[in-house]
């Protein structure tokens, strides 16, 4: 609730600064429309904009799901098979370093102007943050916990499933939090390159016709969508790693390996009773 209040106050401050600048500088409406003008366009064309926003939201959600699944699988695979990871990880780095605009025309050419190319683009944008965060979390598992699992005669897969993956979930959640705001970017870039609908398509058409107020209205919906996705990830994150929330109990490693009191530690030297 406090984060929502802070976000709303920040948005209100931006709107006030925007309106004040337009009132004082009086730029042409085709360069910078006023917030009231953009609000009027949002109200007048709400049906059209919501329909296009829904299309972009579907592309984004599908891309987020596909990218998160592929990224988590890739991060897990590079840790399970280190030799494969040493070969595949540089290729993933090269893929991440490529400009998104360079890949978008190829994806549209390969998958067409429909839904698939935008979903793949959104998945590619969020793939590397999720894969990198999850792989790093798996590599940072405390050796003491792995050794403790080995003492119980647990197999490699049992250790992975019961120890390493649960302890790496907070890292995966961090990757999802970073990737969620990027997912709409991938879908919109795909719509810029070639589409017949969506917020990106609306922006391109509005820019070509100098309808800046309509373009700002589409940007506002895109910003609202980004905040919604981040809120969904924050709502879903405690289910993935309930022990990693701010109000949760201490981590499992702290509970298992914290220092015992001196009276209960068998390795501690015996304490002398005070002389009478």
C-alpha atoms as a PDB file:
ATOM      1  CA  UNK A   1       0.000   0.000   0.000  1.00  0.00           C
ATOM      2  CA  UNK A   2       2.846   2.368   0.809  1.00  0.00           C
ATOM      3  CA  UNK A   3       4.546   1.592  -2.537  1.00  0.00           C
ATOM      4  CA  UNK A   4       1.281   2.255  -4.393  1.00  0.00           C
ATOM      5  CA  UNK A   5       0.860   5.575  -2.615  1.00  0.00           C
ATOM      6  CA  UNK A   6       4.420   6.586  -3.483  1.00  0.00           C
ATOM      7  CA  UNK A   7       3.878   5.619  -7.130  1.00  0.00           C
ATOM      8  CA  UNK A   8       0.669   7.637  -7.372  1.00  0.00           C
ATOM      9  CA  UNK A   9       2.323  10.655  -5.767  1.00  0.00           C
ATOM     10  CA  UNK A  10       5.215  10.387  -8.218  1.00  0.00           C
ATOM     11  CA  UNK A  11       2.843  10.219 -11.186  1.00  0.00           C
ATOM     12  CA  UNK A  12       0.899  13.189  -9.860  1.00  0.00           C
ATOM     13  CA  UNK A  13       4.123  15.191  -9.548  1.00  0.00           C
ATOM     14  CA  UNK A  14       5.068  14.352 -13.141  1.00  0.00           C
ATOM     15  CA  UNK A  15       1.632  15.424 -14.401  1.00  0.00           C
ATOM     16  CA  UNK A  16       1.812  18.707 -12.491  1.00  0.00           C
ATOM     17  CA  UNK A  17       5.307  19.455 -13.809  1.00  0.00           C
ATOM     18  CA  UNK A  18       4.195  18.552 -17.326  1.00  0.00           C
ATOM     19  CA  UNK A  19       1.136  20.798 -17.178  1.00  0.00           C
ATOM     20  CA  UNK A  20       3.109  23.666 -15.660  1.00  0.00           C
ATOM     21  CA  UNK A  21       5.762  23.480 -18.376  1.00  0.00           C
ATOM     22  CA  UNK A  22       3.136  23.468 -21.143  1.00  0.00           C
ATOM     23  CA  UNK A  23       1.344  26.425 -19.537  1.00  0.00           C
ATOM     24  CA  UNK A  24       4.544  28.465 -19.248  1.00  0.00           C
ATOM     25  CA  UNK A  25       6.403  27.510 -22.435  1.00  0.00           C
ATOM     26  CA  UNK A  26       3.292  27.093 -24.640  1.00  0.00           C
ATOM     27  CA  UNK A  27       4.838  24.657 -27.142  1.00  0.00           C
ATOM     28  CA  UNK A  28       2.813  23.706 -30.224  1.00  0.00           C
ATOM     29  CA  UNK A  29       0.393  20.833 -29.508  1.00  0.00           C
ATOM     30  CA  UNK A  30       2.012  18.677 -32.170  1.00  0.00           C
ATOM     31  CA  UNK A  31       5.305  18.904 -30.226  1.00  0.00           C
ATOM     32  CA  UNK A  32       4.079  18.560 -26.645  1.00  0.00           C
ATOM     33  CA  UNK A  33       0.354  18.416 -25.876  1.00  0.00           C
ATOM     34  CA  UNK A  34      -0.991  19.283 -22.449  1.00  0.00           C
ATOM     35  CA  UNK A  35      -2.065  16.557 -20.000  1.00  0.00           C
ATOM     36  CA  UNK A  36      -5.685  17.699 -20.383  1.00  0.00           C
ATOM     37  CA  UNK A  37      -5.481  17.251 -24.143  1.00  0.00           C
ATOM     38  CA  UNK A  38      -4.022  13.767 -23.760  1.00  0.00           C
ATOM     39  CA  UNK A  39      -6.700  12.928 -21.187  1.00  0.00           C
ATOM     40  CA  UNK A  40      -9.392  14.059 -23.611  1.00  0.00           C
ATOM     41  CA  UNK A  41      -7.990  11.750 -26.288  1.00  0.00           C
ATOM     42  CA  UNK A  42      -7.856   8.882 -23.802  1.00  0.00           C
ATOM     43  CA  UNK A  43     -11.513   9.431 -22.979  1.00  0.00           C
ATOM     44  CA  UNK A  44     -12.719  10.013 -26.543  1.00  0.00           C
ATOM     45  CA  UNK A  45     -10.896   7.003 -28.019  1.00  0.00           C
ATOM     46  CA  UNK A  46     -10.911   4.767 -24.979  1.00  0.00           C
ATOM     47  CA  UNK A  47     -12.535   1.844 -26.783  1.00  0.00           C
ATOM     48  CA  UNK A  48      -9.993   1.870 -29.603  1.00  0.00           C
ATOM     49  CA  UNK A  49      -7.016   2.309 -27.283  1.00  0.00           C
ATOM     50  CA  UNK A  50      -8.150  -0.385 -24.849  1.00  0.00           C
ATOM     51  CA  UNK A  51      -8.603  -2.846 -27.713  1.00  0.00           C
ATOM     52  CA  UNK A  52      -5.088  -2.152 -28.994  1.00  0.00           C
ATOM     53  CA  UNK A  53      -3.703  -2.245 -25.456  1.00  0.00           C
ATOM     54  CA  UNK A  54      -5.336  -5.611 -24.843  1.00  0.00           C
ATOM     55  CA  UNK A  55      -3.561  -7.019 -27.913  1.00  0.00           C
ATOM     56  CA  UNK A  56      -0.208  -5.731 -26.667  1.00  0.00           C
ATOM     57  CA  UNK A  57      -0.935  -7.084 -23.176  1.00  0.00           C
ATOM     58  CA  UNK A  58      -1.648 -10.580 -24.536  1.00  0.00           C
ATOM     59  CA  UNK A  59       1.602 -10.511 -26.519  1.00  0.00           C
ATOM     60  CA  UNK A  60       3.485  -9.309 -23.451  1.00  0.00           C
ATOM     61  CA  UNK A  61       2.048 -11.917 -21.069  1.00  0.00           C
ATOM     62  CA  UNK A  62       2.734 -14.761 -23.483  1.00  0.00           C
ATOM     63  CA  UNK A  63       6.244 -13.461 -24.096  1.00  0.00           C
ATOM     64  CA  UNK A  64       6.844 -13.099 -20.363  1.00  0.00           C
ATOM     65  CA  UNK A  65       5.731 -16.672 -19.709  1.00  0.00           C
ATOM     66  CA  UNK A  66       7.770 -18.082 -22.605  1.00  0.00           C
ATOM     67  CA  UNK A  67      10.854 -16.034 -21.799  1.00  0.00           C
ATOM     68  CA  UNK A  68      10.723 -16.862 -18.090  1.00  0.00           C
ATOM     69  CA  UNK A  69      10.357 -20.585 -18.798  1.00  0.00           C
ATOM     70  CA  UNK A  70      13.145 -20.600 -21.394  1.00  0.00           C
ATOM     71  CA  UNK A  71      15.420 -18.456 -19.224  1.00  0.00           C
ATOM     72  CA  UNK A  72      14.936 -20.612 -16.128  1.00  0.00           C
ATOM     73  CA  UNK A  73      15.541 -23.763 -18.188  1.00  0.00           C
ATOM     74  CA  UNK A  74      18.702 -22.293 -19.712  1.00  0.00           C
ATOM     75  CA  UNK A  75      20.020 -21.178 -16.328  1.00  0.00           C
ATOM     76  CA  UNK A  76      19.346 -24.623 -14.885  1.00  0.00           C
ATOM     77  CA  UNK A  77      20.952 -26.351 -17.877  1.00  0.00           C
ATOM     78  CA  UNK A  78      24.163 -24.336 -17.716  1.00  0.00           C
ATOM     79  CA  UNK A  79      24.586 -25.344 -14.059  1.00  0.00           C
ATOM     80  CA  UNK A  80      23.621 -29.002 -14.496  1.00  0.00           C
ATOM     81  CA  UNK A  81      25.961 -29.482 -17.447  1.00  0.00           C
ATOM     82  CA  UNK A  82      28.947 -27.163 -16.923  1.00  0.00           C
ATOM     83  CA  UNK A  83      30.610 -28.163 -20.189  1.00  0.00           C
ATOM     84  CA  UNK A  84      27.486 -27.258 -22.113  1.00  0.00           C
ATOM     85  CA  UNK A  85      27.286 -24.045 -20.126  1.00  0.00           C
ATOM     86  CA  UNK A  86      30.825 -23.024 -21.080  1.00  0.00           C
ATOM     87  CA  UNK A  87      29.882 -23.384 -24.737  1.00  0.00           C
ATOM     88  CA  UNK A  88      26.348 -21.988 -24.613  1.00  0.00           C
ATOM     89  CA  UNK A  89      26.889 -19.027 -22.297  1.00  0.00           C
ATOM     90  CA  UNK A  90      29.084 -17.008 -24.719  1.00  0.00           C
ATOM     91  CA  UNK A  91      26.434 -17.543 -27.395  1.00  0.00           C
ATOM     92  CA  UNK A  92      23.782 -16.224 -25.033  1.00  0.00           C
ATOM     93  CA  UNK A  93      25.940 -13.184 -24.304  1.00  0.00           C
ATOM     94  CA  UNK A  94      26.284 -12.481 -28.022  1.00  0.00           C
ATOM     95  CA  UNK A  95      22.531 -12.815 -28.439  1.00  0.00           C
ATOM     96  CA  UNK A  96      21.934 -10.397 -25.579  1.00  0.00           C
ATOM     97  CA  UNK A  97      24.426  -7.894 -27.023  1.00  0.00           C
ATOM     98  CA  UNK A  98      22.637  -7.747 -30.375  1.00  0.00           C
ATOM     99  CA  UNK A  99      20.374  -4.705 -30.825  1.00  0.00           C
ATOM    100  CA  UNK A 100      16.719  -5.594 -30.523  1.00  0.00           C
ATOM    101  CA  UNK A 101      15.900  -3.584 -33.633  1.00  0.00           C
ATOM    102  CA  UNK A 102      18.302  -5.769 -35.622  1.00  0.00           C
ATOM    103  CA  UNK A 103      16.466  -8.943 -34.633  1.00  0.00           C
ATOM    104  CA  UNK A 104      12.911  -7.628 -35.013  1.00  0.00           C
ATOM    105  CA  UNK A 105      12.830  -7.584 -38.855  1.00  0.00           C
ATOM    106  CA  UNK A 106      14.188 -11.128 -38.954  1.00  0.00           C
ATOM    107  CA  UNK A 107      11.564 -12.365 -36.520  1.00  0.00           C
ATOM    108  CA  UNK A 108       8.796 -10.713 -38.509  1.00  0.00           C
ATOM    109  CA  UNK A 109      10.209 -12.296 -41.663  1.00  0.00           C
ATOM    110  CA  UNK A 110      10.400 -15.734 -40.065  1.00  0.00           C
ATOM    111  CA  UNK A 111       7.182 -15.738 -38.027  1.00  0.00           C
ATOM    112  CA  UNK A 112       4.987 -13.291 -39.944  1.00  0.00           C
ATOM    113  CA  UNK A 113       3.125 -10.144 -38.942  1.00  0.00           C
ATOM    114  CA  UNK A 114       0.875 -11.894 -36.452  1.00  0.00           C
ATOM    115  CA  UNK A 115       1.050 -12.690 -32.782  1.00  0.00           C
ATOM    116  CA  UNK A 116       3.962 -15.135 -32.833  1.00  0.00           C
ATOM    117  CA  UNK A 117       6.707 -12.702 -33.845  1.00  0.00           C
ATOM    118  CA  UNK A 118       5.771 -10.256 -31.065  1.00  0.00           C
ATOM    119  CA  UNK A 119       5.658 -13.019 -28.458  1.00  0.00           C
ATOM    120  CA  UNK A 120       9.092 -14.268 -29.522  1.00  0.00           C
ATOM    121  CA  UNK A 121      10.481 -10.730 -29.425  1.00  0.00           C
ATOM    122  CA  UNK A 122       9.161 -10.156 -25.896  1.00  0.00           C
ATOM    123  CA  UNK A 123      10.563 -13.534 -24.819  1.00  0.00           C
ATOM    124  CA  UNK A 124      14.004 -12.699 -26.212  1.00  0.00           C
ATOM    125  CA  UNK A 125      14.106  -9.389 -24.357  1.00  0.00           C
ATOM    126  CA  UNK A 126      13.464 -10.981 -20.949  1.00  0.00           C
ATOM    127  CA  UNK A 127      15.262 -14.287 -21.577  1.00  0.00           C
ATOM    128  CA  UNK A 128      18.774 -13.256 -20.537  1.00  0.00           C
ATOM    129  CA  UNK A 129      17.933 -11.464 -17.235  1.00  0.00           C
ATOM    130  CA  UNK A 130      16.016 -14.520 -16.029  1.00  0.00           C
ATOM    131  CA  UNK A 131      18.645 -17.016 -17.209  1.00  0.00           C
ATOM    132  CA  UNK A 132      21.528 -15.037 -15.744  1.00  0.00           C
ATOM    133  CA  UNK A 133      19.855 -14.444 -12.369  1.00  0.00           C
ATOM    134  CA  UNK A 134      18.721 -18.061 -11.934  1.00  0.00           C
ATOM    135  CA  UNK A 135      22.094 -19.522 -12.959  1.00  0.00           C
ATOM    136  CA  UNK A 136      23.864 -17.189 -10.541  1.00  0.00           C
ATOM    137  CA  UNK A 137      21.500 -18.209  -7.744  1.00  0.00           C
ATOM    138  CA  UNK A 138      22.135 -21.906  -8.400  1.00  0.00           C
ATOM    139  CA  UNK A 139      25.907 -21.415  -8.418  1.00  0.00           C
ATOM    140  CA  UNK A 140      25.820 -19.528  -5.111  1.00  0.00           C
ATOM    141  CA  UNK A 141      24.253 -22.357  -3.120  1.00  0.00           C
ATOM    142  CA  UNK A 142      26.112 -22.653   0.177  1.00  0.00           C
ATOM    143  CA  UNK A 143      28.481 -25.644   0.070  1.00  0.00           C
ATOM    144  CA  UNK A 144      27.583 -26.506   3.671  1.00  0.00           C
ATOM    145  CA  UNK A 145      24.003 -27.211   2.631  1.00  0.00           C
ATOM    146  CA  UNK A 146      25.107 -29.413  -0.272  1.00  0.00           C
ATOM    147  CA  UNK A 147      27.448 -31.325   2.050  1.00  0.00           C
ATOM    148  CA  UNK A 148      24.669 -31.729   4.596  1.00  0.00           C
ATOM    149  CA  UNK A 149      22.414 -33.173   1.899  1.00  0.00           C
ATOM    150  CA  UNK A 150      25.178 -35.562   0.852  1.00  0.00           C
ATOM    151  CA  UNK A 151      25.394 -36.873   4.414  1.00  0.00           C
ATOM    152  CA  UNK A 152      21.754 -37.938   4.174  1.00  0.00           C
ATOM    153  CA  UNK A 153      22.546 -40.088   1.116  1.00  0.00           C
ATOM    154  CA  UNK A 154      20.485 -37.768  -1.106  1.00  0.00           C
ATOM    155  CA  UNK A 155      21.021 -38.227  -4.822  1.00  0.00           C
ATOM    156  CA  UNK A 156      22.212 -35.467  -7.119  1.00  0.00           C
ATOM    157  CA  UNK A 157      18.668 -34.829  -8.376  1.00  0.00           C
ATOM    158  CA  UNK A 158      17.219 -34.821  -4.878  1.00  0.00           C
ATOM    159  CA  UNK A 159      19.814 -32.277  -3.761  1.00  0.00           C
ATOM    160  CA  UNK A 160      19.010 -30.173  -6.780  1.00  0.00           C
ATOM    161  CA  UNK A 161      15.244 -30.381  -6.280  1.00  0.00           C
ATOM    162  CA  UNK A 162      15.123 -30.026  -2.504  1.00  0.00           C
ATOM    163  CA  UNK A 163      18.090 -27.745  -1.769  1.00  0.00           C
ATOM    164  CA  UNK A 164      19.621 -25.888  -4.694  1.00  0.00           C
ATOM    165  CA  UNK A 165      16.499 -24.915  -6.643  1.00  0.00           C
ATOM    166  CA  UNK A 166      14.518 -23.691  -3.588  1.00  0.00           C
ATOM    167  CA  UNK A 167      17.477 -21.625  -2.393  1.00  0.00           C
ATOM    168  CA  UNK A 168      17.912 -20.147  -5.900  1.00  0.00           C
ATOM    169  CA  UNK A 169      14.276 -19.034  -6.105  1.00  0.00           C
ATOM    170  CA  UNK A 170      14.965 -15.546  -4.664  1.00  0.00           C
ATOM    171  CA  UNK A 171      17.473 -14.987  -7.473  1.00  0.00           C
ATOM    172  CA  UNK A 172      14.885 -16.139 -10.012  1.00  0.00           C
ATOM    173  CA  UNK A 173      12.370 -13.710  -8.505  1.00  0.00           C
ATOM    174  CA  UNK A 174      14.916 -10.902  -8.874  1.00  0.00           C
ATOM    175  CA  UNK A 175      15.383 -11.803 -12.531  1.00  0.00           C
ATOM    176  CA  UNK A 176      11.637 -11.766 -13.083  1.00  0.00           C
ATOM    177  CA  UNK A 177      11.340  -8.366 -11.425  1.00  0.00           C
ATOM    178  CA  UNK A 178      14.000  -6.988 -13.752  1.00  0.00           C
ATOM    179  CA  UNK A 179      12.520  -8.655 -16.829  1.00  0.00           C
ATOM    180  CA  UNK A 180       8.835  -7.841 -16.307  1.00  0.00           C
ATOM    181  CA  UNK A 181       9.105  -4.121 -17.227  1.00  0.00           C
ATOM    182  CA  UNK A 182      11.101  -5.093 -20.335  1.00  0.00           C
ATOM    183  CA  UNK A 183       8.484  -7.465 -21.717  1.00  0.00           C
ATOM    184  CA  UNK A 184       6.184  -4.723 -23.153  1.00  0.00           C
ATOM    185  CA  UNK A 185       9.244  -3.192 -24.827  1.00  0.00           C
ATOM    186  CA  UNK A 186       9.837  -6.333 -26.859  1.00  0.00           C
ATOM    187  CA  UNK A 187       6.204  -6.564 -27.941  1.00  0.00           C
ATOM    188  CA  UNK A 188       6.061  -2.875 -28.921  1.00  0.00           C
ATOM    189  CA  UNK A 189       9.294  -3.093 -30.941  1.00  0.00           C
ATOM    190  CA  UNK A 190       7.838  -6.029 -32.825  1.00  0.00           C
ATOM    191  CA  UNK A 191       4.722  -3.966 -33.527  1.00  0.00           C
ATOM    192  CA  UNK A 192       6.850  -1.061 -34.746  1.00  0.00           C
ATOM    193  CA  UNK A 193       8.555  -3.276 -37.320  1.00  0.00           C
ATOM    194  CA  UNK A 194       5.408  -4.862 -38.684  1.00  0.00           C
ATOM    195  CA  UNK A 195       1.909  -5.280 -37.286  1.00  0.00           C
ATOM    196  CA  UNK A 196      -1.723  -4.482 -37.929  1.00  0.00           C
ATOM    197  CA  UNK A 197      -2.614  -3.652 -34.319  1.00  0.00           C
ATOM    198  CA  UNK A 198      -1.305  -2.984 -30.837  1.00  0.00           C
ATOM    199  CA  UNK A 199       0.004   0.053 -29.015  1.00  0.00           C
ATOM    200  CA  UNK A 200       3.210   0.062 -31.039  1.00  0.00           C
ATOM    201  CA  UNK A 201       1.172   0.168 -34.232  1.00  0.00           C
ATOM    202  CA  UNK A 202      -0.868   3.058 -32.813  1.00  0.00           C
ATOM    203  CA  UNK A 203       2.328   4.978 -31.976  1.00  0.00           C
ATOM    204  CA  UNK A 204       3.765   4.554 -35.467  1.00  0.00           C
ATOM    205  CA  UNK A 205       0.535   5.656 -37.133  1.00  0.00           C
ATOM    206  CA  UNK A 206       0.082   8.613 -34.758  1.00  0.00           C
ATOM    207  CA  UNK A 207       3.667   9.757 -35.263  1.00  0.00           C
ATOM    208  CA  UNK A 208       3.283   9.655 -39.043  1.00  0.00           C
ATOM    209  CA  UNK A 209       0.116  11.787 -38.815  1.00  0.00           C
ATOM    210  CA  UNK A 210       1.547  14.216 -36.221  1.00  0.00           C
ATOM    211  CA  UNK A 211      -1.082  13.104 -33.686  1.00  0.00           C
ATOM    212  CA  UNK A 212       1.173  13.568 -30.692  1.00  0.00           C
ATOM    213  CA  UNK A 213      -1.695  13.520 -28.220  1.00  0.00           C
ATOM    214  CA  UNK A 214      -2.718  10.065 -29.411  1.00  0.00           C
ATOM    215  CA  UNK A 215       0.890   8.871 -29.175  1.00  0.00           C
ATOM    216  CA  UNK A 216       1.120  10.142 -25.597  1.00  0.00           C
ATOM    217  CA  UNK A 217      -2.140   8.375 -24.788  1.00  0.00           C
ATOM    218  CA  UNK A 218      -0.674   5.101 -26.068  1.00  0.00           C
ATOM    219  CA  UNK A 219       2.474   5.728 -24.018  1.00  0.00           C
ATOM    220  CA  UNK A 220       0.393   6.234 -20.885  1.00  0.00           C
ATOM    221  CA  UNK A 221      -1.366   2.912 -21.432  1.00  0.00           C
ATOM    222  CA  UNK A 222       1.997   1.251 -21.999  1.00  0.00           C
ATOM    223  CA  UNK A 223       3.322   2.725 -18.747  1.00  0.00           C
ATOM    224  CA  UNK A 224       0.232   1.486 -16.897  1.00  0.00           C
ATOM    225  CA  UNK A 225       0.779  -1.959 -18.394  1.00  0.00           C
ATOM    226  CA  UNK A 226       4.399  -1.966 -17.196  1.00  0.00           C
ATOM    227  CA  UNK A 227       3.335  -1.079 -13.653  1.00  0.00           C
ATOM    228  CA  UNK A 228       0.668  -3.798 -13.784  1.00  0.00           C
ATOM    229  CA  UNK A 229       3.191  -6.449 -14.816  1.00  0.00           C
ATOM    230  CA  UNK A 230       5.580  -5.445 -12.044  1.00  0.00           C
ATOM    231  CA  UNK A 231       2.718  -5.581  -9.541  1.00  0.00           C
ATOM    232  CA  UNK A 232       1.772  -9.071 -10.780  1.00  0.00           C
ATOM    233  CA  UNK A 233       5.346 -10.279 -10.366  1.00  0.00           C
ATOM    234  CA  UNK A 234       5.510  -8.792  -6.862  1.00  0.00           C
ATOM    235  CA  UNK A 235       2.217 -10.521  -6.033  1.00  0.00           C
ATOM    236  CA  UNK A 236       3.372 -13.861  -7.424  1.00  0.00           C
ATOM    237  CA  UNK A 237       6.919 -13.716  -6.019  1.00  0.00           C
ATOM    238  CA  UNK A 238       6.054 -14.741  -2.414  1.00  0.00           C
ATOM    239  CA  UNK A 239       4.608 -17.990  -3.740  1.00  0.00           C
ATOM    240  CA  UNK A 240       7.935 -18.857  -5.390  1.00  0.00           C
ATOM    241  CA  UNK A 241      10.093 -17.903  -2.420  1.00  0.00           C
ATOM    242  CA  UNK A 242       7.960 -17.330   0.679  1.00  0.00           C
ATOM    243  CA  UNK A 243      11.001 -17.536   2.953  1.00  0.00           C
ATOM    244  CA  UNK A 244      12.702 -14.647   1.119  1.00  0.00           C
ATOM    245  CA  UNK A 245      10.072 -11.995   1.798  1.00  0.00           C
ATOM    246  CA  UNK A 246      10.924  -9.065   4.019  1.00  0.00           C
ATOM    247  CA  UNK A 247       8.678 -10.215   6.858  1.00  0.00           C
ATOM    248  CA  UNK A 248       9.524 -13.896   6.568  1.00  0.00           C
ATOM    249  CA  UNK A 249      11.610 -16.019   8.891  1.00  0.00           C
ATOM    250  CA  UNK A 250      15.431 -16.148   8.521  1.00  0.00           C
ATOM    251  CA  UNK A 251      16.858 -18.187   5.617  1.00  0.00           C
ATOM    252  CA  UNK A 252      17.191 -21.930   5.891  1.00  0.00           C
ATOM    253  CA  UNK A 253      20.984 -21.742   6.025  1.00  0.00           C
ATOM    254  CA  UNK A 254      20.810 -19.362   8.984  1.00  0.00           C
ATOM    255  CA  UNK A 255      18.481 -21.693  10.847  1.00  0.00           C
ATOM    256  CA  UNK A 256      20.639 -24.746  10.167  1.00  0.00           C
ATOM    257  CA  UNK A 257      24.112 -23.336  10.684  1.00  0.00           C
ATOM    258  CA  UNK A 258      23.713 -20.493  13.144  1.00  0.00           C
ATOM    259  CA  UNK A 259      26.048 -20.606  16.137  1.00  0.00           C
ATOM    260  CA  UNK A 260      24.572 -22.331  19.126  1.00  0.00           C
ATOM    261  CA  UNK A 261      24.750 -20.910  22.619  1.00  0.00           C
ATOM    262  CA  UNK A 262      27.895 -21.790  24.534  1.00  0.00           C
ATOM    263  CA  UNK A 263      25.973 -24.013  26.960  1.00  0.00           C
ATOM    264  CA  UNK A 264      24.689 -26.183  24.090  1.00  0.00           C
ATOM    265  CA  UNK A 265      27.848 -26.273  21.969  1.00  0.00           C
ATOM    266  CA  UNK A 266      29.667 -29.595  22.566  1.00  0.00           C
ATOM    267  CA  UNK A 267      32.908 -28.178  21.154  1.00  0.00           C
ATOM    268  CA  UNK A 268      32.938 -25.254  23.604  1.00  0.00           C
ATOM    269  CA  UNK A 269      35.227 -25.550  26.622  1.00  0.00           C
ATOM    270  CA  UNK A 270      33.452 -26.351  29.877  1.00  0.00           C
ATOM    271  CA  UNK A 271      32.575 -23.372  31.967  1.00  0.00           C
ATOM    272  CA  UNK A 272      33.729 -23.272  35.557  1.00  0.00           C
ATOM    273  CA  UNK A 273      31.180 -22.748  38.194  1.00  0.00           C
ATOM    274  CA  UNK A 274      31.782 -19.655  40.318  1.00  0.00           C
ATOM    275  CA  UNK A 275      33.592 -20.385  43.523  1.00  0.00           C
ATOM    276  CA  UNK A 276      31.691 -19.972  46.699  1.00  0.00           C
END
